[in-house]
Amino acid sequence: MSGYLTTHVLDTARGCPAAGLRITLARLEAGAMVPLAEVVTNDDGRTDSPILPQSDFTPGVYELVFHAGDYLDASGAAAESPRFLDVIPIRFGISEAGAHYHVPLLLSPFGYSTYRGS
């Protein structure tokens, strides 16, 4: 069985899922980022399907880009110009071809954290 990639974004400042947050996925190939997908989180802060489904899953270096500034603006977070956090890139490696990789983001206007989830 092939692996797959998912994410989940939680707004830790508001204590709720980050609905409507745009995320892009790219793969590093020959020194350049190749776009693979663009998704928007649902009401639960998740995507409706894996960002990288089993059919496209291969080991390599990937980058999820979370468009946090647009989300924070839409969520009513106190405005600042420029925003402290705007675009959050997370570059990570996938080495296990048959594994589920889950890369969540815990987000607030002034900080974030991530980890390899399950």
C-alpha atoms as a PDB file:
ATOM      1  CA  MET A   1       0.000   0.000   0.000  1.00  0.00           C
ATOM      2  CA  SER A   2       1.275   3.489  -0.831  1.00  0.00           C
ATOM      3  CA  GLY A   3       1.459   6.303   1.694  1.00  0.00           C
ATOM      4  CA  TYR A   4      -0.324   9.624   1.743  1.00  0.00           C
ATOM      5  CA  LEU A   5      -0.028  13.156   3.177  1.00  0.00           C
ATOM      6  CA  THR A   6      -2.537  15.052   5.320  1.00  0.00           C
ATOM      7  CA  THR A   7      -2.610  18.177   7.475  1.00  0.00           C
ATOM      8  CA  HIS A   8      -4.756  19.838  10.135  1.00  0.00           C
ATOM      9  CA  VAL A   9      -4.593  23.523  11.086  1.00  0.00           C
ATOM     10  CA  LEU A  10      -5.712  24.765  14.492  1.00  0.00           C
ATOM     11  CA  ASP A  11      -6.043  28.446  15.420  1.00  0.00           C
ATOM     12  CA  THR A  12      -4.603  28.356  18.935  1.00  0.00           C
ATOM     13  CA  ALA A  13      -5.355  32.046  19.590  1.00  0.00           C
ATOM     14  CA  ARG A  14      -9.073  31.544  19.003  1.00  0.00           C
ATOM     15  CA  GLY A  15      -9.218  27.935  20.173  1.00  0.00           C
ATOM     16  CA  CYS A  16     -10.800  26.546  17.014  1.00  0.00           C
ATOM     17  CA  PRO A  17     -10.001  24.876  13.679  1.00  0.00           C
ATOM     18  CA  ALA A  18      -8.577  27.222  11.040  1.00  0.00           C
ATOM     19  CA  ALA A  19     -11.272  26.992   8.363  1.00  0.00           C
ATOM     20  CA  GLY A  20     -10.641  28.560   4.972  1.00  0.00           C
ATOM     21  CA  LEU A  21      -6.826  28.563   5.131  1.00  0.00           C
ATOM     22  CA  ARG A  22      -5.159  28.107   1.734  1.00  0.00           C
ATOM     23  CA  ILE A  23      -2.294  25.598   1.523  1.00  0.00           C
ATOM     24  CA  THR A  24      -0.016  24.766  -1.396  1.00  0.00           C
ATOM     25  CA  LEU A  25       2.184  21.701  -1.797  1.00  0.00           C
ATOM     26  CA  ALA A  26       5.326  21.416  -3.917  1.00  0.00           C
ATOM     27  CA  ARG A  27       8.053  18.811  -4.367  1.00  0.00           C
ATOM     28  CA  LEU A  28      11.761  19.634  -4.678  1.00  0.00           C
ATOM     29  CA  GLU A  29      13.050  18.262  -7.990  1.00  0.00           C
ATOM     30  CA  ALA A  30      16.457  19.128  -9.475  1.00  0.00           C
ATOM     31  CA  GLY A  31      16.785  22.144  -7.180  1.00  0.00           C
ATOM     32  CA  ALA A  32      13.383  23.651  -8.043  1.00  0.00           C
ATOM     33  CA  MET A  33      10.007  23.481  -6.326  1.00  0.00           C
ATOM     34  CA  VAL A  34       7.414  21.823  -8.566  1.00  0.00           C
ATOM     35  CA  PRO A  35       3.804  22.697  -7.631  1.00  0.00           C
ATOM     36  CA  LEU A  36       1.632  19.657  -6.905  1.00  0.00           C
ATOM     37  CA  ALA A  37      -1.551  20.818  -5.191  1.00  0.00           C
ATOM     38  CA  GLU A  38      -3.513  23.715  -3.757  1.00  0.00           C
ATOM     39  CA  VAL A  39      -6.206  23.125  -1.141  1.00  0.00           C
ATOM     40  CA  VAL A  40      -8.292  25.065   1.397  1.00  0.00           C
ATOM     41  CA  THR A  41      -9.072  23.786   4.885  1.00  0.00           C
ATOM     42  CA  ASN A  42     -12.669  22.866   5.702  1.00  0.00           C
ATOM     43  CA  ASP A  43     -14.672  23.759   8.834  1.00  0.00           C
ATOM     44  CA  ASP A  44     -12.643  21.227  10.831  1.00  0.00           C
ATOM     45  CA  GLY A  45      -9.302  22.782   9.741  1.00  0.00           C
ATOM     46  CA  ARG A  46      -8.554  19.728   7.590  1.00  0.00           C
ATOM     47  CA  THR A  47      -8.592  19.096   3.876  1.00  0.00           C
ATOM     48  CA  ASP A  48     -11.426  17.055   2.403  1.00  0.00           C
ATOM     49  CA  SER A  49      -8.981  14.505   0.999  1.00  0.00           C
ATOM     50  CA  PRO A  50      -5.248  13.813   1.336  1.00  0.00           C
ATOM     51  CA  ILE A  51      -3.091  16.640  -0.035  1.00  0.00           C
ATOM     52  CA  LEU A  52      -0.851  14.045  -1.630  1.00  0.00           C
ATOM     53  CA  PRO A  53      -2.924  10.948  -2.380  1.00  0.00           C
ATOM     54  CA  GLN A  54      -1.613   7.406  -2.586  1.00  0.00           C
ATOM     55  CA  SER A  55      -1.429   7.532  -6.375  1.00  0.00           C
ATOM     56  CA  ASP A  56       1.064  10.472  -6.290  1.00  0.00           C
ATOM     57  CA  PHE A  57       2.991   9.554  -3.144  1.00  0.00           C
ATOM     58  CA  THR A  58       6.739   9.049  -3.508  1.00  0.00           C
ATOM     59  CA  PRO A  59       9.666   9.640  -1.154  1.00  0.00           C
ATOM     60  CA  GLY A  60      11.376  13.006  -1.529  1.00  0.00           C
ATOM     61  CA  VAL A  61      11.544  16.552  -0.213  1.00  0.00           C
ATOM     62  CA  TYR A  62       8.266  18.464  -0.070  1.00  0.00           C
ATOM     63  CA  GLU A  63       7.103  21.882   1.060  1.00  0.00           C
ATOM     64  CA  LEU A  64       3.716  22.806   2.445  1.00  0.00           C
ATOM     65  CA  VAL A  65       3.050  26.544   2.343  1.00  0.00           C
ATOM     66  CA  PHE A  66       0.374  27.811   4.718  1.00  0.00           C
ATOM     67  CA  HIS A  67      -1.062  31.192   3.688  1.00  0.00           C
ATOM     68  CA  ALA A  68      -1.597  32.331   7.267  1.00  0.00           C
ATOM     69  CA  GLY A  69      -1.792  36.095   6.656  1.00  0.00           C
ATOM     70  CA  ASP A  70      -4.851  35.791   4.429  1.00  0.00           C
ATOM     71  CA  TYR A  71      -6.491  33.513   6.989  1.00  0.00           C
ATOM     72  CA  LEU A  72      -5.671  35.837   9.902  1.00  0.00           C
ATOM     73  CA  ASP A  73      -7.049  38.833   7.987  1.00  0.00           C
ATOM     74  CA  ALA A  74     -10.298  36.968   7.246  1.00  0.00           C
ATOM     75  CA  SER A  75     -10.612  35.669  10.820  1.00  0.00           C
ATOM     76  CA  GLY A  76     -10.635  39.155  12.324  1.00  0.00           C
ATOM     77  CA  ALA A  77      -7.242  38.916  14.034  1.00  0.00           C
ATOM     78  CA  ALA A  78      -5.938  42.347  14.976  1.00  0.00           C
ATOM     79  CA  ALA A  79      -4.531  43.929  11.837  1.00  0.00           C
ATOM     80  CA  GLU A  80      -0.903  44.937  11.539  1.00  0.00           C
ATOM     81  CA  SER A  81       1.101  45.937   8.525  1.00  0.00           C
ATOM     82  CA  PRO A  82       3.008  43.955   7.655  1.00  0.00           C
ATOM     83  CA  ARG A  83       1.751  40.906   9.524  1.00  0.00           C
ATOM     84  CA  PHE A  84       4.313  39.183  11.724  1.00  0.00           C
ATOM     85  CA  LEU A  85       3.325  35.852  10.120  1.00  0.00           C
ATOM     86  CA  ASP A  86       2.151  35.853   6.542  1.00  0.00           C
ATOM     87  CA  VAL A  87       3.317  32.829   4.552  1.00  0.00           C
ATOM     88  CA  ILE A  88       4.604  29.825   6.504  1.00  0.00           C
ATOM     89  CA  PRO A  89       6.668  27.315   4.482  1.00  0.00           C
ATOM     90  CA  ILE A  90       7.384  23.941   6.041  1.00  0.00           C
ATOM     91  CA  ARG A  91       9.930  21.844   4.133  1.00  0.00           C
ATOM     92  CA  PHE A  92      10.107  18.195   5.139  1.00  0.00           C
ATOM     93  CA  GLY A  93      11.246  14.848   3.855  1.00  0.00           C
ATOM     94  CA  ILE A  94       9.201  11.765   3.121  1.00  0.00           C
ATOM     95  CA  SER A  95      11.329   8.639   3.366  1.00  0.00           C
ATOM     96  CA  GLU A  96       8.806   5.863   4.041  1.00  0.00           C
ATOM     97  CA  ALA A  97       6.919   5.009   0.860  1.00  0.00           C
ATOM     98  CA  GLY A  98       4.079   3.195   2.621  1.00  0.00           C
ATOM     99  CA  ALA A  99       3.541   5.559   5.553  1.00  0.00           C
ATOM    100  CA  HIS A 100       0.914   8.149   6.423  1.00  0.00           C
ATOM    101  CA  TYR A 101       2.594  11.525   6.867  1.00  0.00           C
ATOM    102  CA  HIS A 102       0.541  14.055   8.814  1.00  0.00           C
ATOM    103  CA  VAL A 103       1.979  17.588   9.114  1.00  0.00           C
ATOM    104  CA  PRO A 104      -0.292  19.685  11.365  1.00  0.00           C
ATOM    105  CA  LEU A 105       0.076  23.405  12.054  1.00  0.00           C
ATOM    106  CA  LEU A 106      -0.797  25.087  15.333  1.00  0.00           C
ATOM    107  CA  LEU A 107      -1.205  28.774  14.472  1.00  0.00           C
ATOM    108  CA  SER A 108      -1.577  32.129  16.214  1.00  0.00           C
ATOM    109  CA  PRO A 109      -0.861  35.640  14.902  1.00  0.00           C
ATOM    110  CA  PHE A 110       2.595  35.616  16.532  1.00  0.00           C
ATOM    111  CA  GLY A 111       3.741  32.005  16.486  1.00  0.00           C
ATOM    112  CA  TYR A 112       3.270  28.516  15.142  1.00  0.00           C
ATOM    113  CA  SER A 113       4.450  24.980  15.688  1.00  0.00           C
ATOM    114  CA  THR A 114       4.381  21.776  13.707  1.00  0.00           C
ATOM    115  CA  TYR A 115       5.368  18.143  14.120  1.00  0.00           C
ATOM    116  CA  ARG A 116       4.994  14.813  12.374  1.00  0.00           C
ATOM    117  CA  GLY A 117       1.613  13.640  13.535  1.00  0.00           C
ATOM    118  CA  SER A 118      -0.248  10.404  13.068  1.00  0.00           C
END
